[in-house]
Structure formats: C-alpha cells, structure tokens
Amino acid sequence: MEQPIHSLPCLFDQLGLRSDPTSIEQFIATHSPLKPELHLADAFFWSKSQADFLRGEILDDADWAEVVDQLDVMLRKGRDT
C-alpha cells in the first residue's frame, strides 16, 4: 500500500486549522464522536468552504481523500485513536 500523499497535519493546514499534535488531538476530542449517519462534511463545525473541500475530495476520490477518510475515522472513534 502506498503512503498517502498528504498527512493529517497538512490536512489541518489546508482546512485553516492549527496542525500541531496537541491541537489535532484537542479538535478530535472536542468534535467526536460523530453520529454514524452523519457525513463528515455535514458536521456543524465546518465552515462552508471547509465542508465543500472535504465533500469534493471524497466524491472525486482526489489526492486528499485518504487523509480525509482518516480524519473521518478518528472523529467517529473519538479521542483514543
């Protein structure tokens, strides 16, 4: 399996969020767990541009899709990922 093109900290940078490990962990702890039926991009805490980016990357199976999926899993499991 190939390594993802982008990392989780890079995704946070792309979304305009703080990307240091502590900030990422705090974001996950604050916003999880997501309800199973809720699409990641539909979560209330994203801005419109963030949601559009996340949705587009998944729908297009684009470069960021793998790390967006990783974030989705982390937000569904919660803090202990």
PDB file of N, CA and C in Angstrom:
ATOM      1  N   MET A   1       0.846  -1.182   0.000  1.00  0.00           N
ATOM      2  CA  MET A   1       0.000   0.000   0.000  1.00  0.00           C
ATOM      3  C   MET A   1       0.890   1.243   0.000  1.00  0.00           C
ATOM      4  N   GLU A   2       0.548   2.191  -0.825  1.00  0.00           N
ATOM      5  CA  GLU A   2       1.321   3.418  -0.910  1.00  0.00           C
ATOM      6  C   GLU A   2       1.002   4.337   0.257  1.00  0.00           C
ATOM      7  N   GLN A   3       2.003   5.124   0.659  1.00  0.00           N
ATOM      8  CA  GLN A   3       1.789   6.131   1.684  1.00  0.00           C
ATOM      9  C   GLN A   3       0.875   7.214   1.118  1.00  0.00           C
ATOM     10  N   PRO A   4       0.025   7.787   1.961  1.00  0.00           N
ATOM     11  CA  PRO A   4      -0.820   8.879   1.461  1.00  0.00           C
ATOM     12  C   PRO A   4       0.043  10.052   0.993  1.00  0.00           C
ATOM     13  N   ILE A   5      -0.471  10.771   0.043  1.00  0.00           N
ATOM     14  CA  ILE A   5       0.243  11.927  -0.493  1.00  0.00           C
ATOM     15  C   ILE A   5       0.328  13.025   0.557  1.00  0.00           C
ATOM     16  N   HIS A   6      -0.717  13.160   1.349  1.00  0.00           N
ATOM     17  CA  HIS A   6      -0.813  14.223   2.344  1.00  0.00           C
ATOM     18  C   HIS A   6      -0.923  13.619   3.743  1.00  0.00           C
ATOM     19  N   SER A   7      -0.466  14.368   4.720  1.00  0.00           N
ATOM     20  CA  SER A   7      -0.540  13.931   6.114  1.00  0.00           C
ATOM     21  C   SER A   7      -1.716  14.610   6.814  1.00  0.00           C
ATOM     22  N   LEU A   8      -2.042  14.104   7.992  1.00  0.00           N
ATOM     23  CA  LEU A   8      -3.112  14.709   8.786  1.00  0.00           C
ATOM     24  C   LEU A   8      -2.783  16.162   9.149  1.00  0.00           C
ATOM     25  N   PRO A   9      -1.565  16.469   9.592  1.00  0.00           N
ATOM     26  CA  PRO A   9      -1.255  17.883   9.855  1.00  0.00           C
ATOM     27  C   PRO A   9      -1.402  18.763   8.611  1.00  0.00           C
ATOM     28  N   CYS A  10      -1.047  18.231   7.446  1.00  0.00           N
ATOM     29  CA  CYS A  10      -1.229  19.004   6.208  1.00  0.00           C
ATOM     30  C   CYS A  10      -2.706  19.255   5.919  1.00  0.00           C
ATOM     31  N   LEU A  11      -3.552  18.268   6.219  1.00  0.00           N
ATOM     32  CA  LEU A  11      -4.994  18.460   6.035  1.00  0.00           C
ATOM     33  C   LEU A  11      -5.503  19.559   6.956  1.00  0.00           C
ATOM     34  N   PHE A  12      -5.068  19.549   8.194  1.00  0.00           N
ATOM     35  CA  PHE A  12      -5.479  20.607   9.120  1.00  0.00           C
ATOM     36  C   PHE A  12      -5.017  21.969   8.616  1.00  0.00           C
ATOM     37  N   ASP A  13      -3.791  22.039   8.098  1.00  0.00           N
ATOM     38  CA  ASP A  13      -3.318  23.294   7.487  1.00  0.00           C
ATOM     39  C   ASP A  13      -4.221  23.703   6.326  1.00  0.00           C
ATOM     40  N   GLN A  14      -4.552  22.749   5.473  1.00  0.00           N
ATOM     41  CA  GLN A  14      -5.405  23.013   4.312  1.00  0.00           C
ATOM     42  C   GLN A  14      -6.770  23.544   4.739  1.00  0.00           C
ATOM     43  N   LEU A  15      -7.262  23.050   5.866  1.00  0.00           N
ATOM     44  CA  LEU A  15      -8.565  23.479   6.381  1.00  0.00           C
ATOM     45  C   LEU A  15      -8.479  24.772   7.189  1.00  0.00           C
ATOM     46  N   GLY A  16      -7.266  25.295   7.348  1.00  0.00           N
ATOM     47  CA  GLY A  16      -7.088  26.535   8.094  1.00  0.00           C
ATOM     48  C   GLY A  16      -7.142  26.332   9.598  1.00  0.00           C
ATOM     49  N   LEU A  17      -6.827  25.126  10.039  1.00  0.00           N
ATOM     50  CA  LEU A  17      -6.860  24.799  11.465  1.00  0.00           C
ATOM     51  C   LEU A  17      -5.440  24.628  11.986  1.00  0.00           C
ATOM     52  N   ARG A  18      -5.281  24.763  13.289  1.00  0.00           N
ATOM     53  CA  ARG A  18      -3.969  24.525  13.896  1.00  0.00           C
ATOM     54  C   ARG A  18      -3.600  23.068  13.688  1.00  0.00           C
ATOM     55  N   SER A  19      -2.348  22.822  13.337  1.00  0.00           N
ATOM     56  CA  SER A  19      -1.965  21.486  12.901  1.00  0.00           C
ATOM     57  C   SER A  19      -0.915  20.798  13.778  1.00  0.00           C
ATOM     58  N   ASP A  20      -0.616  21.368  14.930  1.00  0.00           N
ATOM     59  CA  ASP A  20       0.322  20.686  15.816  1.00  0.00           C
ATOM     60  C   ASP A  20      -0.397  19.510  16.479  1.00  0.00           C
ATOM     61  N   PRO A  21       0.339  18.498  16.943  1.00  0.00           N
ATOM     62  CA  PRO A  21      -0.293  17.296  17.501  1.00  0.00           C
ATOM     63  C   PRO A  21      -1.293  17.575  18.631  1.00  0.00           C
ATOM     64  N   THR A  22      -0.979  18.498  19.511  1.00  0.00           N
ATOM     65  CA  THR A  22      -1.884  18.809  20.617  1.00  0.00           C
ATOM     66  C   THR A  22      -3.188  19.411  20.110  1.00  0.00           C
ATOM     67  N   SER A  23      -3.096  20.308  19.134  1.00  0.00           N
ATOM     68  CA  SER A  23      -4.309  20.930  18.573  1.00  0.00           C
ATOM     69  C   SER A  23      -5.165  19.918  17.831  1.00  0.00           C
ATOM     70  N   ILE A  24      -4.527  18.999  17.114  1.00  0.00           N
ATOM     71  CA  ILE A  24      -5.279  17.962  16.405  1.00  0.00           C
ATOM     72  C   ILE A  24      -6.001  17.074  17.413  1.00  0.00           C
ATOM     73  N   GLU A  25      -5.299  16.660  18.455  1.00  0.00           N
ATOM     74  CA  GLU A  25      -5.925  15.826  19.480  1.00  0.00           C
ATOM     75  C   GLU A  25      -7.085  16.561  20.153  1.00  0.00           C
ATOM     76  N   GLN A  26      -6.902  17.837  20.434  1.00  0.00           N
ATOM     77  CA  GLN A  26      -7.965  18.625  21.055  1.00  0.00           C
ATOM     78  C   GLN A  26      -9.172  18.757  20.120  1.00  0.00           C
ATOM     79  N   PHE A  27      -8.923  18.954  18.827  1.00  0.00           N
ATOM     80  CA  PHE A  27     -10.005  19.044  17.855  1.00  0.00           C
ATOM     81  C   PHE A  27     -10.808  17.747  17.842  1.00  0.00           C
ATOM     82  N   ILE A  28     -10.113  16.614  17.804  1.00  0.00           N
ATOM     83  CA  ILE A  28     -10.781  15.313  17.800  1.00  0.00           C
ATOM     84  C   ILE A  28     -11.591  15.131  19.072  1.00  0.00           C
ATOM     85  N   ALA A  29     -11.009  15.450  20.207  1.00  0.00           N
ATOM     86  CA  ALA A  29     -11.698  15.301  21.494  1.00  0.00           C
ATOM     87  C   ALA A  29     -12.935  16.199  21.578  1.00  0.00           C
ATOM     88  N   THR A  30     -12.834  17.401  21.040  1.00  0.00           N
ATOM     89  CA  THR A  30     -13.934  18.362  21.104  1.00  0.00           C
ATOM     90  C   THR A  30     -15.090  17.982  20.190  1.00  0.00           C
ATOM     91  N   HIS A  31     -14.790  17.433  19.022  1.00  0.00           N
ATOM     92  CA  HIS A  31     -15.810  17.229  17.993  1.00  0.00           C
ATOM     93  C   HIS A  31     -16.214  15.771  17.764  1.00  0.00           C
ATOM     94  N   SER A  32     -15.818  14.892  18.642  1.00  0.00           N
ATOM     95  CA  SER A  32     -16.185  13.490  18.462  1.00  0.00           C
ATOM     96  C   SER A  32     -16.957  12.977  19.659  1.00  0.00           C
ATOM     97  N   PRO A  33     -17.652  11.897  19.491  1.00  0.00           N
ATOM     98  CA  PRO A  33     -17.783  11.113  18.265  1.00  0.00           C
ATOM     99  C   PRO A  33     -18.899  11.656  17.375  1.00  0.00           C
ATOM    100  N   LEU A  34     -18.690  11.522  16.078  1.00  0.00           N
ATOM    101  CA  LEU A  34     -19.734  11.887  15.117  1.00  0.00           C
ATOM    102  C   LEU A  34     -20.784  10.783  15.082  1.00  0.00           C
ATOM    103  N   LYS A  35     -22.015  11.166  14.841  1.00  0.00           N
ATOM    104  CA  LYS A  35     -23.082  10.181  14.687  1.00  0.00           C
ATOM    105  C   LYS A  35     -22.811   9.347  13.439  1.00  0.00           C
ATOM    106  N   PRO A  36     -23.103   8.045  13.499  1.00  0.00           N
ATOM    107  CA  PRO A  36     -22.815   7.167  12.355  1.00  0.00           C
ATOM    108  C   PRO A  36     -23.465   7.609  11.050  1.00  0.00           C
ATOM    109  N   GLU A  37     -24.667   8.179  11.129  1.00  0.00           N
ATOM    110  CA  GLU A  37     -25.380   8.553   9.904  1.00  0.00           C
ATOM    111  C   GLU A  37     -24.944   9.910   9.339  1.00  0.00           C
ATOM    112  N   LEU A  38     -24.110  10.636  10.057  1.00  0.00           N
ATOM    113  CA  LEU A  38     -23.686  11.976   9.646  1.00  0.00           C
ATOM    114  C   LEU A  38     -22.459  11.890   8.744  1.00  0.00           C
ATOM    115  N   HIS A  39     -22.546  12.486   7.566  1.00  0.00           N
ATOM    116  CA  HIS A  39     -21.378  12.571   6.687  1.00  0.00           C
ATOM    117  C   HIS A  39     -20.407  13.583   7.279  1.00  0.00           C
ATOM    118  N   LEU A  40     -19.145  13.291   7.169  1.00  0.00           N
ATOM    119  CA  LEU A  40     -18.119  14.163   7.747  1.00  0.00           C
ATOM    120  C   LEU A  40     -18.323  15.616   7.334  1.00  0.00           C
ATOM    121  N   ALA A  41     -18.533  15.855   6.060  1.00  0.00           N
ATOM    122  CA  ALA A  41     -18.658  17.225   5.558  1.00  0.00           C
ATOM    123  C   ALA A  41     -19.907  17.934   6.060  1.00  0.00           C
ATOM    124  N   ASP A  42     -20.874  17.186   6.591  1.00  0.00           N
ATOM    125  CA  ASP A  42     -22.110  17.785   7.084  1.00  0.00           C
ATOM    126  C   ASP A  42     -22.059  18.139   8.566  1.00  0.00           C
ATOM    127  N   ALA A  43     -20.928  17.887   9.215  1.00  0.00           N
ATOM    128  CA  ALA A  43     -20.807  18.211  10.639  1.00  0.00           C
ATOM    129  C   ALA A  43     -20.926  19.723  10.823  1.00  0.00           C
ATOM    130  N   PHE A  44     -21.530  20.120  11.923  1.00  0.00           N
ATOM    131  CA  PHE A  44     -21.857  21.528  12.167  1.00  0.00           C
ATOM    132  C   PHE A  44     -20.632  22.431  12.314  1.00  0.00           C
ATOM    133  N   PHE A  45     -19.498  21.886  12.640  1.00  0.00           N
ATOM    134  CA  PHE A  45     -18.340  22.707  12.990  1.00  0.00           C
ATOM    135  C   PHE A  45     -17.499  23.153  11.800  1.00  0.00           C
ATOM    136  N   TRP A  46     -17.839  22.700  10.583  1.00  0.00           N
ATOM    137  CA  TRP A  46     -17.080  23.132   9.408  1.00  0.00           C
ATOM    138  C   TRP A  46     -17.672  24.417   8.839  1.00  0.00           C
ATOM    139  N   SER A  47     -16.813  25.265   8.303  1.00  0.00           N
ATOM    140  CA  SER A  47     -17.305  26.395   7.514  1.00  0.00           C
ATOM    141  C   SER A  47     -17.776  25.845   6.167  1.00  0.00           C
ATOM    142  N   LYS A  48     -18.445  26.652   5.395  1.00  0.00           N
ATOM    143  CA  LYS A  48     -18.913  26.197   4.083  1.00  0.00           C
ATOM    144  C   LYS A  48     -17.733  25.781   3.209  1.00  0.00           C
ATOM    145  N   SER A  49     -16.673  26.557   3.199  1.00  0.00           N
ATOM    146  CA  SER A  49     -15.528  26.221   2.344  1.00  0.00           C
ATOM    147  C   SER A  49     -14.830  24.946   2.819  1.00  0.00           C
ATOM    148  N   GLN A  50     -14.740  24.749   4.126  1.00  0.00           N
ATOM    149  CA  GLN A  50     -14.155  23.507   4.641  1.00  0.00           C
ATOM    150  C   GLN A  50     -15.011  22.306   4.244  1.00  0.00           C
ATOM    151  N   ALA A  51     -16.320  22.431   4.429  1.00  0.00           N
ATOM    152  CA  ALA A  51     -17.240  21.341   4.089  1.00  0.00           C
ATOM    153  C   ALA A  51     -17.187  21.033   2.593  1.00  0.00           C
ATOM    154  N   ASP A  52     -17.160  22.064   1.771  1.00  0.00           N
ATOM    155  CA  ASP A  52     -17.080  21.867   0.323  1.00  0.00           C
ATOM    156  C   ASP A  52     -15.787  21.145  -0.059  1.00  0.00           C
ATOM    157  N   PHE A  53     -14.687  21.527   0.569  1.00  0.00           N
ATOM    158  CA  PHE A  53     -13.406  20.879   0.289  1.00  0.00           C
ATOM    159  C   PHE A  53     -13.470  19.398   0.670  1.00  0.00           C
ATOM    160  N   LEU A  54     -13.913  19.103   1.884  1.00  0.00           N
ATOM    161  CA  LEU A  54     -13.978  17.712   2.351  1.00  0.00           C
ATOM    162  C   LEU A  54     -14.886  16.876   1.461  1.00  0.00           C
ATOM    163  N   ARG A  55     -16.057  17.404   1.139  1.00  0.00           N
ATOM    164  CA  ARG A  55     -17.016  16.685   0.299  1.00  0.00           C
ATOM    165  C   ARG A  55     -16.434  16.424  -1.092  1.00  0.00           C
ATOM    166  N   GLY A  56     -15.827  17.446  -1.667  1.00  0.00           N
ATOM    167  CA  GLY A  56     -15.265  17.318  -3.002  1.00  0.00           C
ATOM    168  C   GLY A  56     -14.134  16.309  -3.080  1.00  0.00           C
ATOM    169  N   GLU A  57     -13.293  16.294  -2.081  1.00  0.00           N
ATOM    170  CA  GLU A  57     -12.165  15.359  -2.082  1.00  0.00           C
ATOM    171  C   GLU A  57     -12.644  13.911  -2.020  1.00  0.00           C
ATOM    172  N   ILE A  58     -13.668  13.661  -1.226  1.00  0.00           N
ATOM    173  CA  ILE A  58     -14.204  12.297  -1.120  1.00  0.00           C
ATOM    174  C   ILE A  58     -14.953  11.916  -2.395  1.00  0.00           C
ATOM    175  N   LEU A  59     -15.812  12.800  -2.879  1.00  0.00           N
ATOM    176  CA  LEU A  59     -16.595  12.490  -4.083  1.00  0.00           C
ATOM    177  C   LEU A  59     -15.707  12.249  -5.301  1.00  0.00           C
ATOM    178  N   ASP A  60     -14.618  13.002  -5.394  1.00  0.00           N
ATOM    179  CA  ASP A  60     -13.718  12.877  -6.545  1.00  0.00           C
ATOM    180  C   ASP A  60     -12.619  11.841  -6.323  1.00  0.00           C
ATOM    181  N   ASP A  61     -12.587  11.239  -5.141  1.00  0.00           N
ATOM    182  CA  ASP A  61     -11.504  10.327  -4.763  1.00  0.00           C
ATOM    183  C   ASP A  61     -10.162  10.970  -5.101  1.00  0.00           C
ATOM    184  N   ALA A  62     -10.025  12.218  -4.679  1.00  0.00           N
ATOM    185  CA  ALA A  62      -8.868  13.040  -5.025  1.00  0.00           C
ATOM    186  C   ALA A  62      -7.690  12.783  -4.081  1.00  0.00           C
ATOM    187  N   ASP A  63      -6.632  13.554  -4.274  1.00  0.00           N
ATOM    188  CA  ASP A  63      -5.396  13.387  -3.512  1.00  0.00           C
ATOM    189  C   ASP A  63      -5.588  13.385  -2.002  1.00  0.00           C
ATOM    190  N   TRP A  64      -6.503  14.186  -1.524  1.00  0.00           N
ATOM    191  CA  TRP A  64      -6.702  14.319  -0.081  1.00  0.00           C
ATOM    192  C   TRP A  64      -7.656  13.272   0.473  1.00  0.00           C
ATOM    193  N   ALA A  65      -8.278  12.458  -0.357  1.00  0.00           N
ATOM    194  CA  ALA A  65      -9.345  11.551   0.090  1.00  0.00           C
ATOM    195  C   ALA A  65      -8.900  10.601   1.195  1.00  0.00           C
ATOM    196  N   GLU A  66      -7.714  10.053   1.085  1.00  0.00           N
ATOM    197  CA  GLU A  66      -7.268   9.081   2.082  1.00  0.00           C
ATOM    198  C   GLU A  66      -7.109   9.709   3.467  1.00  0.00           C
ATOM    199  N   VAL A  67      -6.549  10.889   3.517  1.00  0.00           N
ATOM    200  CA  VAL A  67      -6.370  11.539   4.823  1.00  0.00           C
ATOM    201  C   VAL A  67      -7.697  12.107   5.341  1.00  0.00           C
ATOM    202  N   VAL A  68      -8.598  12.492   4.442  1.00  0.00           N
ATOM    203  CA  VAL A  68      -9.946  12.898   4.865  1.00  0.00           C
ATOM    204  C   VAL A  68     -10.659  11.697   5.485  1.00  0.00           C
ATOM    205  N   ASP A  69     -10.514  10.530   4.882  1.00  0.00           N
ATOM    206  CA  ASP A  69     -11.078   9.303   5.467  1.00  0.00           C
ATOM    207  C   ASP A  69     -10.470   9.026   6.847  1.00  0.00           C
ATOM    208  N   GLN A  70      -9.175   9.248   6.972  1.00  0.00           N
ATOM    209  CA  GLN A  70      -8.506   9.051   8.258  1.00  0.00           C
ATOM    210  C   GLN A  70      -9.119   9.966   9.322  1.00  0.00           C
ATOM    211  N   LEU A  71      -9.334  11.225   8.981  1.00  0.00           N
ATOM    212  CA  LEU A  71      -9.963  12.170   9.908  1.00  0.00           C
ATOM    213  C   LEU A  71     -11.371  11.715  10.258  1.00  0.00           C
ATOM    214  N   ASP A  72     -12.114  11.244   9.269  1.00  0.00           N
ATOM    215  CA  ASP A  72     -13.471  10.751   9.492  1.00  0.00           C
ATOM    216  C   ASP A  72     -13.466   9.625  10.530  1.00  0.00           C
ATOM    217  N   VAL A  73     -12.574   8.668  10.365  1.00  0.00           N
ATOM    218  CA  VAL A  73     -12.474   7.556  11.302  1.00  0.00           C
ATOM    219  C   VAL A  73     -12.126   8.066  12.697  1.00  0.00           C
ATOM    220  N   MET A  74     -11.188   8.955  12.771  1.00  0.00           N
ATOM    221  CA  MET A  74     -10.784   9.494  14.073  1.00  0.00           C
ATOM    222  C   MET A  74     -11.939  10.208  14.778  1.00  0.00           C
ATOM    223  N   LEU A  75     -12.715  10.959  14.015  1.00  0.00           N
ATOM    224  CA  LEU A  75     -13.839  11.687  14.605  1.00  0.00           C
ATOM    225  C   LEU A  75     -14.991  10.763  14.992  1.00  0.00           C
ATOM    226  N   ARG A  76     -15.067   9.606  14.406  1.00  0.00           N
ATOM    227  CA  ARG A  76     -16.106   8.650  14.782  1.00  0.00           C
ATOM    228  C   ARG A  76     -15.710   7.834  16.003  1.00  0.00           C
ATOM    229  N   LYS A  77     -14.439   7.543  16.135  1.00  0.00           N
ATOM    230  CA  LYS A  77     -13.957   6.772  17.278  1.00  0.00           C
ATOM    231  C   LYS A  77     -13.767   7.623  18.524  1.00  0.00           C
ATOM    232  N   GLY A  78     -13.395   8.865  18.320  1.00  0.00           N
ATOM    233  CA  GLY A  78     -13.146   9.734  19.455  1.00  0.00           C
ATOM    234  C   GLY A  78     -11.676   9.819  19.788  1.00  0.00           C
ATOM    235  N   ARG A  79     -11.400  10.192  20.978  1.00  0.00           N
ATOM    236  CA  ARG A  79     -10.072  10.554  21.434  1.00  0.00           C
ATOM    237  C   ARG A  79      -9.044   9.435  21.353  1.00  0.00           C
ATOM    238  N   ASP A  80      -9.403   8.212  21.657  1.00  0.00           N
ATOM    239  CA  ASP A  80      -8.443   7.116  21.765  1.00  0.00           C
ATOM    240  C   ASP A  80      -8.206   6.432  20.426  1.00  0.00           C
ATOM    241  N   THR A  81      -7.771   7.167  19.405  1.00  0.00           N
ATOM    242  CA  THR A  81      -7.492   6.581  18.097  1.00  0.00           C
ATOM    243  C   THR A  81      -6.025   6.424  17.883  1.00  0.00           C
TER     244      THR A  81
END
